[in-house]
Amino acid sequence: MPLTPRTKASRPKTVRIAVAVLATATSAALLAASAPQPAAPLGIGDRLFPHLGNPGYDVTSYDIAFTYHGDNSKPLDALTKIDAQVTAPLERVNLDFTHGKVRSVEVNGVPADFTTAGEDLVVTPHARVQPGERLRIAVRHTSDPVSGEVEGGWVRTGDGLAMANQADVAHRVFPCNDHPADKAQFTFRVTAPKGLTAVANGLPLAEERRADTTTWAYRTRHPMATELAQVSIGRSTVLHRTGPYRLPVRDVVPTKNRKELEPWLKKTPDQIAWMEDKIGRYPFETYGVLVADATTGFELETQTLSLFEKELFTRPEFPEWYVESIMVHELAHQWFGDSVSPGTWSDLWLNEGHASWYEALYAEEKAKQPLEKRMRYAYRLSDSWRAAGGPPAAPKGPRPGEKISIFRPVVYDGSALVLYALRQEIGRPDFEAVERAWVHTYRDGNATTADFVRLASEVSGRDLGGFFEAWLYGAKTPPMPGHPDWTSMPPEKKTAPGKK
């Protein structure tokens, strides 16, 4: 209720003090309400990575230019351009970015203020942006290879660099909305000294040679998650061959190892044909194998160009069938994880469970390695895996400082075991129909565990909610359909696998 107006002189002293205090408090409250809040890291609320991704906009494309100066221990110069659609009123725009120096930021062609908060780059446009507006952000920055860390980003190779951005470290390389829920088109432009070769996701656009440097440009034809971005720079040879339906197949290998790797690389077209026979046409514009002279401890399904350690192909103790099945694992990810990407990181089992399933199925069909034997072994360990890492669709969060520790056995063979149980439950014809429907229905998009449960129920004509509730969220492994004699060992500690 407002005070009755009086002249200043006529007010009693106590009233004047009260009015002054009230006015001061009201002004302070109004100023606090209107003043900008301190910059803070945001996130879209992913259960496993709460600060990953950013609300308020949807990225449609990235155009990223890197200049590599020939020393893989020193920063690259970079320019990242982001086109996005605004989905909520924003006074600030948060981007995921860390481990690089930001030199300038423009928003819609106008210089913008910026600061950092946590692992976010916080940009303040000259005016609030509104839903439906187009947002164009240009960030000039460095992109720094970080030594002594295994968390990913740039991977130093024997002759240059490659990328390994899973699970949430693309923002160590370039500013982005670093969550698989926000897929976008990508263009890469890479400048490197003479004598080096640069390759990236997608197909080549242009190649410009100068006296001392060359610039390559590549573009994807399908949307891609930031964690699947790939740029390789090194003394490499690019090998070309043709896959099914005249699919361009391109491999990138250290030039010095070209001959010894060829026996493995020539297998890829037949592996693609095998996968297509199982679930339908390959979903992208090209595929190939990137062999890095580096020790990573894993292989990685970077979109259209899967990353492999050289030693996978050169260590004599690895049987041929094993190496081929790992190649198929990363190939299968092009459908499961790349084309159909998870809605959240808790849906990781859909990526790794399917890739492990087709890895095991390939080994059975091509090398007589029984699938049932592998699944029975997985069943024996399943309760231990669930105790250590959580159930398949509700995995435990990463260990402190070890973001890739979410890649535990329960999301590999522990999740392939769920698919085996599903096939046992609904029969092979319906199971294969579910698989084909999944990659067709959600191609180039995102999908969740709930989407898979719903689709499997629709295709099989059965309510599978109870079945999946037990298999995906139970602390204990349910009885295996058709195998009542299978038993699981008591929980015990297991080490995490290396492959991704």
Protein backbone atom coordinates (compact mmCIF):
# COMPACT_ATOMS: atom_id res chain seq x y z
CA MET A 1 0.00 0.00 0.00
CA PRO A 2 1.51 3.41 -0.95
CA LEU A 3 2.08 6.13 1.68
CA THR A 4 -0.12 9.25 1.61
CA PRO A 5 1.80 12.00 -0.26
CA ARG A 6 3.13 14.81 1.95
CA THR A 7 5.66 17.53 1.58
CA LYS A 8 9.07 16.67 2.91
CA ALA A 9 8.89 19.38 5.61
CA SER A 10 5.53 18.26 6.98
CA ARG A 11 6.57 14.65 7.55
CA PRO A 12 7.56 13.57 11.06
CA LYS A 13 11.22 12.56 11.36
CA THR A 14 10.40 8.89 11.98
CA VAL A 15 8.18 8.80 8.90
CA ARG A 16 10.89 10.45 6.80
CA ILE A 17 13.38 7.79 7.91
CA ALA A 18 10.91 4.98 7.20
CA VAL A 19 10.15 6.35 3.73
CA ALA A 20 13.85 6.71 2.98
CA VAL A 21 14.56 3.15 4.09
CA LEU A 22 11.63 1.82 2.07
CA ALA A 23 12.71 3.79 -1.00
CA THR A 24 16.27 2.54 -0.67
CA ALA A 25 15.12 -1.07 -0.27
CA THR A 26 12.73 -0.78 -3.21
CA SER A 27 15.41 0.73 -5.45
CA ALA A 28 17.87 -1.97 -4.43
CA ALA A 29 15.32 -4.68 -5.20
CA LEU A 30 14.56 -3.16 -8.61
CA LEU A 31 18.24 -2.82 -9.40
CA ALA A 32 18.89 -6.41 -8.32
CA ALA A 33 16.04 -7.64 -10.49
CA SER A 34 17.23 -5.70 -13.54
CA ALA A 35 20.96 -6.20 -13.08
CA PRO A 36 22.52 -9.02 -15.11
CA GLN A 37 23.25 -12.12 -13.09
CA PRO A 38 26.85 -13.38 -12.91
CA ALA A 39 27.93 -15.61 -15.75
CA ALA A 40 27.55 -19.27 -14.80
CA PRO A 41 28.00 -22.63 -16.50
CA LEU A 42 24.69 -24.01 -17.68
CA GLY A 43 23.64 -27.39 -19.05
CA ILE A 44 20.61 -29.20 -20.41
CA GLY A 45 20.40 -31.41 -17.34
CA ASP A 46 21.90 -34.65 -18.62
CA ARG A 47 21.91 -37.06 -15.67
CA LEU A 48 25.52 -38.15 -16.26
CA PHE A 49 26.93 -34.78 -17.40
CA PRO A 50 24.71 -32.05 -15.85
CA HIS A 51 26.67 -29.09 -17.24
CA LEU A 52 26.96 -30.44 -20.76
CA GLY A 53 25.08 -28.71 -23.56
CA ASN A 54 23.27 -25.39 -23.28
CA PRO A 55 19.61 -24.35 -23.37
CA GLY A 56 18.00 -21.65 -25.47
CA TYR A 57 19.23 -22.42 -28.96
CA ASP A 58 19.53 -25.20 -31.52
CA VAL A 59 22.69 -25.34 -33.64
CA THR A 60 22.07 -25.88 -37.35
CA SER A 61 25.68 -25.78 -38.58
CA TYR A 62 29.33 -25.39 -37.65
CA ASP A 63 32.01 -24.01 -39.97
CA ILE A 64 35.39 -24.59 -38.32
CA ALA A 65 38.78 -23.49 -39.66
CA PHE A 66 42.01 -24.81 -38.14
CA THR A 67 45.53 -23.65 -38.96
CA TYR A 68 48.15 -26.20 -37.94
CA HIS A 69 51.72 -24.93 -37.73
CA GLY A 70 53.51 -28.27 -37.88
CA ASP A 71 54.12 -28.88 -34.16
CA ASN A 72 51.53 -31.09 -32.45
CA SER A 73 52.46 -29.78 -29.01
CA LYS A 74 51.51 -26.19 -29.84
CA PRO A 75 48.10 -24.54 -30.25
CA LEU A 76 46.34 -24.36 -33.59
CA ASP A 77 44.75 -21.09 -34.65
CA ALA A 78 41.03 -21.53 -35.19
CA LEU A 79 37.85 -19.79 -36.23
CA THR A 80 34.56 -21.44 -35.30
CA LYS A 81 31.36 -20.13 -36.89
CA ILE A 82 28.08 -21.34 -35.45
CA ASP A 83 24.66 -20.89 -37.00
CA ALA A 84 21.80 -21.54 -34.62
CA GLN A 85 18.09 -20.98 -34.15
CA VAL A 86 17.06 -19.27 -30.92
CA THR A 87 14.45 -21.22 -28.94
CA ALA A 88 14.17 -19.05 -25.80
CA PRO A 89 14.92 -15.41 -24.91
CA LEU A 90 18.65 -15.08 -24.20
CA GLU A 91 20.61 -12.19 -22.73
CA ARG A 92 23.68 -14.42 -22.76
CA VAL A 93 24.63 -17.37 -24.92
CA ASN A 94 26.61 -20.16 -23.29
CA LEU A 95 28.91 -22.32 -25.40
CA ASP A 96 30.88 -25.30 -24.15
CA PHE A 97 34.58 -24.49 -24.54
CA THR A 98 37.76 -24.92 -22.53
CA HIS A 99 41.55 -25.37 -22.96
CA GLY A 100 41.78 -22.67 -25.61
CA LYS A 101 42.34 -18.92 -25.65
CA VAL A 102 39.46 -16.84 -27.00
CA ARG A 103 40.62 -13.82 -28.96
CA SER A 104 37.31 -12.33 -30.11
CA VAL A 105 33.62 -13.11 -30.47
CA GLU A 106 31.04 -11.68 -32.85
CA VAL A 107 27.30 -12.22 -32.70
CA ASN A 108 25.38 -11.51 -35.92
CA GLY A 109 28.35 -9.56 -37.22
CA VAL A 110 28.73 -7.31 -34.15
CA PRO A 111 31.55 -7.65 -31.58
CA ALA A 112 30.29 -9.19 -28.35
CA ASP A 113 31.55 -9.31 -24.80
CA PHE A 114 32.58 -12.69 -23.44
CA THR A 115 33.84 -14.35 -20.30
CA THR A 116 34.32 -17.87 -18.98
CA ALA A 117 32.49 -19.82 -16.30
CA GLY A 118 33.54 -23.36 -15.54
CA GLU A 119 33.95 -25.05 -18.93
CA ASP A 120 31.59 -22.56 -20.62
CA LEU A 121 32.35 -19.60 -22.86
CA VAL A 122 29.65 -17.06 -21.96
CA VAL A 123 28.85 -14.57 -24.72
CA THR A 124 26.80 -11.38 -24.26
CA PRO A 125 25.26 -10.12 -27.54
CA HIS A 126 24.69 -6.39 -27.97
CA ALA A 127 20.95 -7.05 -27.54
CA ARG A 128 18.81 -9.85 -26.16
CA VAL A 129 17.98 -12.45 -28.81
CA GLN A 130 14.44 -13.76 -29.15
CA PRO A 131 12.90 -17.12 -30.08
CA GLY A 132 12.80 -17.70 -33.82
CA GLU A 133 15.76 -15.44 -34.52
CA ARG A 134 18.80 -16.70 -36.34
CA LEU A 135 21.98 -16.58 -34.28
CA ARG A 136 25.38 -16.35 -35.96
CA ILE A 137 28.37 -16.60 -33.65
CA ALA A 138 32.00 -16.33 -34.76
CA VAL A 139 34.73 -17.20 -32.24
CA ARG A 140 38.42 -16.65 -32.96
CA HIS A 141 40.39 -18.88 -30.64
CA THR A 142 43.23 -21.31 -30.21
CA SER A 143 42.71 -25.06 -30.16
CA ASP A 144 45.20 -26.61 -27.80
CA PRO A 145 46.47 -30.18 -27.72
CA VAL A 146 46.76 -30.97 -24.02
CA SER A 147 49.66 -33.13 -22.90
CA GLY A 148 49.51 -35.77 -20.20
CA GLU A 149 45.76 -36.29 -20.35
CA VAL A 150 43.73 -39.25 -21.61
CA GLU A 151 40.35 -37.56 -21.56
CA GLY A 152 40.39 -36.88 -25.29
CA GLY A 153 40.08 -33.97 -27.64
CA TRP A 154 43.14 -33.70 -29.83
CA VAL A 155 45.17 -36.92 -29.87
CA ARG A 156 48.84 -36.54 -30.69
CA THR A 157 50.00 -39.04 -33.27
CA GLY A 158 53.48 -39.93 -34.45
CA ASP A 159 53.21 -37.38 -37.26
CA GLY A 160 50.41 -35.00 -36.32
CA LEU A 161 46.97 -34.98 -34.73
CA ALA A 162 43.59 -36.72 -34.73
CA MET A 163 40.42 -36.22 -32.68
CA ALA A 164 38.77 -38.36 -30.01
CA ASN A 165 35.91 -36.30 -28.58
CA GLN A 166 33.81 -38.90 -26.79
CA ALA A 167 32.10 -38.53 -24.42
CA ASP A 168 32.05 -34.80 -23.74
CA VAL A 169 35.36 -33.31 -24.83
CA ALA A 170 34.70 -31.80 -28.25
CA HIS A 171 34.65 -28.50 -26.36
CA ARG A 172 38.35 -28.97 -25.67
CA VAL A 173 38.82 -28.53 -29.41
CA PHE A 174 36.20 -25.97 -30.53
CA PRO A 175 33.32 -23.94 -29.02
CA CYS A 176 30.08 -25.85 -29.40
CA ASN A 177 26.87 -27.11 -27.88
CA ASP A 178 28.58 -30.28 -26.77
CA HIS A 179 25.74 -32.76 -26.36
CA PRO A 180 24.57 -35.42 -28.84
CA ALA A 181 21.01 -34.12 -28.53
CA ASP A 182 22.00 -31.08 -30.65
CA LYS A 183 23.24 -32.49 -33.95
CA ALA A 184 24.26 -30.18 -36.79
CA GLN A 185 25.91 -30.01 -40.20
CA PHE A 186 29.70 -29.54 -40.16
CA THR A 187 32.20 -27.89 -42.51
CA PHE A 188 35.92 -28.15 -41.74
CA ARG A 189 38.70 -26.09 -43.33
CA VAL A 190 42.18 -27.20 -42.35
CA THR A 191 45.43 -25.48 -43.29
CA ALA A 192 48.67 -27.40 -42.74
CA PRO A 193 52.30 -27.16 -43.87
CA LYS A 194 53.40 -28.67 -47.16
CA GLY A 195 53.98 -32.41 -46.95
CA LEU A 196 51.07 -33.07 -44.56
CA THR A 197 47.55 -34.25 -45.39
CA ALA A 198 44.37 -33.19 -43.62
CA VAL A 199 41.15 -35.21 -43.72
CA ALA A 200 37.84 -34.66 -41.90
CA ASN A 201 34.31 -36.02 -41.67
CA GLY A 202 32.23 -36.00 -44.82
CA LEU A 203 33.30 -35.44 -48.40
CA PRO A 204 35.97 -33.09 -49.80
CA LEU A 205 34.85 -29.67 -50.99
CA ALA A 206 38.09 -28.07 -52.11
CA GLU A 207 41.87 -28.19 -51.89
CA GLU A 208 43.97 -25.05 -52.25
CA ARG A 209 47.75 -25.34 -52.51
CA ARG A 210 50.15 -22.50 -51.81
CA ALA A 211 53.93 -22.34 -51.68
CA ASP A 212 54.26 -23.61 -48.12
CA THR A 213 50.78 -24.73 -47.06
CA THR A 214 47.65 -26.49 -48.28
CA THR A 215 44.07 -25.88 -47.19
CA TRP A 216 41.51 -28.70 -47.37
CA ALA A 217 37.76 -28.29 -46.95
CA TYR A 218 35.27 -31.06 -46.05
CA ARG A 219 31.54 -31.05 -45.37
CA THR A 220 29.08 -33.55 -43.94
CA ARG A 221 25.83 -34.29 -45.76
CA HIS A 222 24.09 -35.51 -42.63
CA PRO A 223 23.77 -33.97 -39.15
CA MET A 224 26.43 -35.03 -36.67
CA ALA A 225 26.95 -34.90 -32.91
CA THR A 226 29.95 -32.92 -31.71
CA GLU A 227 31.46 -36.01 -30.06
CA LEU A 228 31.76 -37.64 -33.51
CA ALA A 229 33.80 -34.87 -35.16
CA GLN A 230 37.08 -35.96 -36.72
CA VAL A 231 40.05 -34.09 -38.18
CA SER A 232 43.28 -35.93 -39.01
CA ILE A 233 46.51 -34.13 -39.84
CA GLY A 234 49.70 -36.03 -40.64
CA ARG A 235 51.97 -37.66 -43.17
CA SER A 236 49.10 -39.72 -44.48
CA THR A 237 47.96 -41.46 -47.61
CA VAL A 238 44.29 -41.41 -48.54
CA LEU A 239 43.20 -44.66 -50.19
CA HIS A 240 40.02 -44.91 -52.24
CA ARG A 241 37.84 -47.90 -53.09
CA THR A 242 34.17 -48.57 -53.74
CA GLY A 243 31.63 -50.12 -51.40
CA PRO A 244 28.10 -51.44 -51.97
CA TYR A 245 25.87 -49.30 -54.19
CA ARG A 246 29.01 -47.40 -55.31
CA LEU A 247 29.55 -45.97 -51.83
CA PRO A 248 32.86 -44.03 -51.71
CA VAL A 249 35.16 -45.76 -49.23
CA ARG A 250 38.20 -43.78 -48.13
CA ASP A 251 40.89 -44.85 -45.69
CA VAL A 252 43.49 -42.59 -44.12
CA VAL A 253 46.72 -44.30 -43.06
CA PRO A 254 50.30 -43.37 -42.18
CA THR A 255 52.07 -43.42 -45.52
CA LYS A 256 54.89 -45.57 -44.15
CA ASN A 257 52.40 -48.29 -43.11
CA ARG A 258 50.26 -48.34 -46.24
CA LYS A 259 51.30 -51.78 -47.51
CA GLU A 260 51.07 -53.64 -44.22
CA LEU A 261 47.60 -52.19 -43.52
CA GLU A 262 46.11 -52.89 -46.94
CA PRO A 263 45.10 -56.53 -46.15
CA TRP A 264 42.83 -55.18 -43.40
CA LEU A 265 41.50 -52.15 -45.23
CA LYS A 266 40.32 -54.09 -48.25
CA LYS A 267 37.90 -55.97 -46.00
CA THR A 268 35.75 -52.89 -45.33
CA PRO A 269 33.45 -53.07 -48.41
CA ASP A 270 32.43 -56.63 -47.57
CA GLN A 271 31.87 -55.66 -43.95
CA ILE A 272 29.57 -52.84 -45.07
CA ALA A 273 27.68 -55.28 -47.29
CA TRP A 274 27.30 -57.66 -44.34
CA MET A 275 25.84 -54.90 -42.15
CA GLU A 276 23.51 -53.75 -44.91
CA ASP A 277 22.20 -57.28 -45.24
CA LYS A 278 21.31 -57.20 -41.54
CA ILE A 279 19.73 -53.77 -41.14
CA GLY A 280 19.57 -51.85 -44.43
CA ARG A 281 21.53 -49.32 -46.42
CA TYR A 282 24.56 -47.58 -44.96
CA PRO A 283 23.30 -44.21 -43.66
CA PHE A 284 26.01 -41.76 -44.76
CA GLU A 285 27.80 -40.36 -47.80
CA THR A 286 31.11 -42.17 -47.28
CA TYR A 287 32.94 -44.48 -44.88
CA GLY A 288 36.49 -45.39 -44.09
CA VAL A 289 39.11 -46.27 -41.53
CA LEU A 290 41.48 -43.72 -40.00
CA VAL A 291 44.58 -45.47 -38.66
CA ALA A 292 46.46 -43.33 -36.13
CA ASP A 293 50.03 -43.88 -35.02
CA ALA A 294 49.03 -43.32 -31.40
CA THR A 295 48.19 -45.21 -28.24
CA THR A 296 44.68 -44.37 -27.10
CA GLY A 297 43.44 -47.58 -25.48
CA PHE A 298 40.27 -47.51 -27.61
CA GLU A 299 38.84 -47.33 -31.12
CA LEU A 300 36.20 -44.69 -31.90
CA GLU A 301 33.23 -44.40 -34.27
CA THR A 302 33.85 -40.87 -35.54
CA GLN A 303 31.20 -40.31 -38.20
CA THR A 304 32.12 -41.56 -41.71
CA LEU A 305 35.76 -42.08 -40.60
CA SER A 306 36.29 -44.44 -37.67
CA LEU A 307 39.46 -43.96 -35.60
CA PHE A 308 41.69 -46.99 -34.95
CA GLU A 309 45.01 -47.42 -33.21
CA LYS A 310 47.65 -48.75 -35.58
CA GLU A 311 48.62 -51.49 -33.15
CA LEU A 312 45.22 -53.16 -33.47
CA PHE A 313 46.31 -54.22 -36.95
CA THR A 314 49.97 -54.92 -36.23
CA ARG A 315 50.03 -56.89 -32.98
CA PRO A 316 50.57 -60.55 -33.90
CA GLU A 317 48.72 -61.95 -30.88
CA PHE A 318 45.37 -60.61 -32.13
CA PRO A 319 43.54 -63.27 -34.18
CA GLU A 320 42.24 -62.18 -37.56
CA TRP A 321 38.62 -62.76 -36.57
CA TYR A 322 39.05 -60.55 -33.50
CA VAL A 323 40.45 -57.61 -35.47
CA GLU A 324 37.70 -57.91 -38.07
CA SER A 325 35.00 -58.02 -35.41
CA ILE A 326 36.36 -54.82 -33.83
CA MET A 327 36.26 -53.19 -37.26
CA VAL A 328 32.60 -54.23 -37.52
CA HIS A 329 31.94 -52.86 -34.03
CA GLU A 330 32.92 -49.35 -35.14
CA LEU A 331 31.17 -49.78 -38.47
CA ALA A 332 27.94 -50.79 -36.71
CA HIS A 333 28.12 -47.55 -34.73
CA GLN A 334 27.57 -45.61 -37.95
CA TRP A 335 23.96 -46.81 -37.68
CA PHE A 336 23.75 -47.15 -33.90
CA GLY A 337 25.08 -44.02 -32.21
CA ASP A 338 26.00 -41.90 -35.23
CA SER A 339 22.92 -41.91 -37.48
CA VAL A 340 20.60 -42.73 -34.58
CA SER A 341 22.18 -40.79 -31.72
CA PRO A 342 21.26 -41.09 -28.05
CA GLY A 343 18.87 -38.56 -26.56
CA THR A 344 20.87 -38.57 -23.32
CA TRP A 345 24.10 -40.21 -22.22
CA SER A 346 22.04 -42.64 -20.13
CA ASP A 347 20.93 -44.10 -23.48
CA LEU A 348 24.53 -45.12 -24.19
CA TRP A 349 23.55 -48.80 -24.02
CA LEU A 350 21.73 -48.36 -27.35
CA ASN A 351 25.05 -47.40 -28.97
CA GLU A 352 27.42 -49.85 -27.37
CA GLY A 353 25.01 -52.74 -26.88
CA HIS A 354 24.15 -52.77 -30.58
CA ALA A 355 27.76 -52.36 -31.73
CA SER A 356 28.79 -55.24 -29.45
CA TRP A 357 25.86 -57.32 -30.72
CA TYR A 358 26.87 -57.01 -34.38
CA GLU A 359 30.53 -57.49 -33.47
CA ALA A 360 29.59 -60.82 -31.84
CA LEU A 361 27.18 -61.82 -34.61
CA TYR A 362 29.86 -61.16 -37.25
CA ALA A 363 32.36 -63.29 -35.31
CA GLU A 364 29.82 -66.10 -35.17
CA GLU A 365 28.93 -66.02 -38.86
CA LYS A 366 32.40 -65.35 -40.26
CA ALA A 367 34.70 -67.09 -37.77
CA LYS A 368 32.51 -69.68 -36.02
CA GLN A 369 32.78 -67.94 -32.66
CA PRO A 370 29.47 -68.99 -31.02
CA LEU A 371 27.25 -66.07 -30.05
CA GLU A 372 25.44 -68.16 -27.45
CA LYS A 373 28.72 -69.01 -25.73
CA ARG A 374 29.66 -65.33 -25.52
CA MET A 375 26.21 -64.38 -24.22
CA ARG A 376 26.25 -67.13 -21.60
CA TYR A 377 29.61 -65.85 -20.38
CA ALA A 378 28.19 -62.32 -20.27
CA TYR A 379 25.22 -63.60 -18.29
CA ARG A 380 27.56 -65.11 -15.70
CA LEU A 381 29.20 -61.72 -15.16
CA SER A 382 26.11 -59.56 -15.61
CA ASP A 383 25.23 -59.12 -11.94
CA SER A 384 28.82 -58.06 -11.22
CA TRP A 385 28.72 -55.58 -14.08
CA ARG A 386 25.42 -54.14 -12.84
CA ALA A 387 26.77 -53.79 -9.32
CA ALA A 388 29.88 -52.00 -10.56
CA GLY A 389 28.35 -49.79 -13.26
CA GLY A 390 24.60 -49.74 -12.71
CA PRO A 391 21.98 -51.37 -14.94
CA PRO A 392 22.28 -50.86 -18.71
CA ALA A 393 19.83 -47.96 -19.09
CA ALA A 394 20.65 -46.29 -15.75
CA PRO A 395 24.46 -46.37 -15.66
CA LYS A 396 26.39 -44.87 -12.81
CA GLY A 397 28.04 -41.52 -13.44
CA PRO A 398 31.70 -41.18 -14.38
CA ARG A 399 34.36 -41.42 -11.72
CA PRO A 400 35.82 -38.02 -10.72
CA GLY A 401 38.28 -36.88 -13.36
CA GLU A 402 37.54 -39.90 -15.59
CA LYS A 403 34.79 -38.93 -17.97
CA ILE A 404 35.20 -41.99 -20.18
CA SER A 405 34.67 -44.28 -17.20
CA ILE A 406 30.98 -44.48 -18.18
CA PHE A 407 32.19 -46.96 -20.84
CA ARG A 408 31.95 -49.97 -18.55
CA PRO A 409 31.28 -53.64 -19.38
CA VAL A 410 27.57 -53.24 -18.61
CA VAL A 411 27.09 -50.98 -21.65
CA TYR A 412 29.01 -53.38 -23.94
CA ASP A 413 28.31 -57.09 -23.59
CA GLY A 414 26.04 -56.37 -20.64
CA SER A 415 23.76 -54.49 -23.05
CA ALA A 416 24.26 -56.89 -25.97
CA LEU A 417 22.88 -59.44 -23.51
CA VAL A 418 19.65 -57.41 -23.36
CA LEU A 419 19.36 -57.66 -27.14
CA TYR A 420 19.98 -61.41 -26.98
CA ALA A 421 17.22 -61.70 -24.36
CA LEU A 422 14.91 -59.67 -26.61
CA ARG A 423 15.58 -61.99 -29.54
CA GLN A 424 14.88 -64.97 -27.29
CA GLU A 425 11.67 -63.34 -26.07
CA ILE A 426 10.09 -62.23 -29.36
CA GLY A 427 11.83 -64.52 -31.88
CA ARG A 428 14.39 -63.84 -34.57
CA PRO A 429 12.02 -62.49 -37.30
CA ASP A 430 10.45 -59.86 -35.04
CA PHE A 431 13.83 -58.97 -33.54
CA GLU A 432 15.34 -58.35 -36.96
CA ALA A 433 12.28 -56.30 -37.91
CA VAL A 434 12.79 -54.15 -34.78
CA GLU A 435 16.41 -53.53 -35.72
CA ARG A 436 15.57 -52.44 -39.24
CA ALA A 437 12.70 -50.26 -38.07
CA TRP A 438 14.91 -48.58 -35.46
CA VAL A 439 17.61 -47.39 -37.85
CA HIS A 440 15.00 -46.36 -40.45
CA THR A 441 12.62 -44.52 -38.12
CA TYR A 442 15.24 -42.45 -36.29
CA ARG A 443 17.81 -41.96 -39.04
CA ASP A 444 19.71 -38.66 -38.73
CA GLY A 445 18.03 -37.98 -35.38
CA ASN A 446 18.05 -38.77 -31.71
CA ALA A 447 16.20 -41.49 -29.85
CA THR A 448 15.87 -42.69 -26.28
CA THR A 449 15.43 -45.93 -24.40
CA ALA A 450 11.70 -45.19 -24.17
CA ASP A 451 11.58 -44.89 -27.97
CA PHE A 452 13.23 -48.31 -28.33
CA VAL A 453 10.83 -49.92 -25.88
CA ARG A 454 7.85 -48.41 -27.67
CA LEU A 455 9.06 -49.42 -31.14
CA ALA A 456 9.88 -52.99 -30.06
CA SER A 457 6.40 -53.31 -28.57
CA GLU A 458 4.75 -51.99 -31.73
CA VAL A 459 6.72 -54.23 -34.09
CA SER A 460 6.28 -57.38 -32.00
CA GLY A 461 2.64 -56.68 -31.23
CA ARG A 462 3.30 -57.14 -27.51
CA ASP A 463 3.58 -54.89 -24.49
CA LEU A 464 7.27 -55.28 -23.64
CA GLY A 465 7.31 -52.65 -20.90
CA GLY A 466 7.72 -55.17 -18.08
CA PHE A 467 10.37 -57.12 -19.97
CA PHE A 468 12.51 -54.04 -20.58
CA GLU A 469 11.96 -52.65 -17.09
CA ALA A 470 13.60 -55.74 -15.63
CA TRP A 471 16.37 -56.08 -18.20
CA LEU A 472 17.31 -52.41 -18.48
CA TYR A 473 16.77 -51.10 -14.96
CA GLY A 474 17.01 -54.09 -12.62
CA ALA A 475 19.86 -54.40 -10.14
CA LYS A 476 19.85 -58.13 -10.84
CA THR A 477 19.82 -59.85 -14.21
CA PRO A 478 16.46 -61.48 -14.99
CA PRO A 479 16.20 -65.14 -16.04
CA MET A 480 17.22 -65.64 -19.66
CA PRO A 481 14.28 -66.67 -21.87
CA GLY A 482 14.87 -70.15 -23.23
CA HIS A 483 17.85 -70.75 -20.92
CA PRO A 484 16.55 -71.39 -17.38
CA ASP A 485 19.85 -73.07 -16.49
CA TRP A 486 21.93 -69.92 -17.00
CA THR A 487 23.25 -68.46 -13.74
CA SER A 488 25.04 -65.28 -12.79
CA MET A 489 28.04 -65.11 -10.47
CA PRO A 490 27.93 -62.98 -7.32
CA PRO A 491 29.06 -59.39 -7.91
CA GLU A 492 32.77 -58.75 -8.02
CA LYS A 493 34.98 -55.94 -9.25
CA LYS A 494 35.86 -55.92 -12.97
CA THR A 495 38.03 -53.61 -15.02
CA ALA A 496 36.52 -51.45 -17.75
CA PRO A 497 37.19 -52.32 -21.41
CA GLY A 498 39.27 -50.08 -23.63
CA LYS A 499 37.24 -49.91 -26.82
CA LYS A 500 34.50 -47.39 -27.31
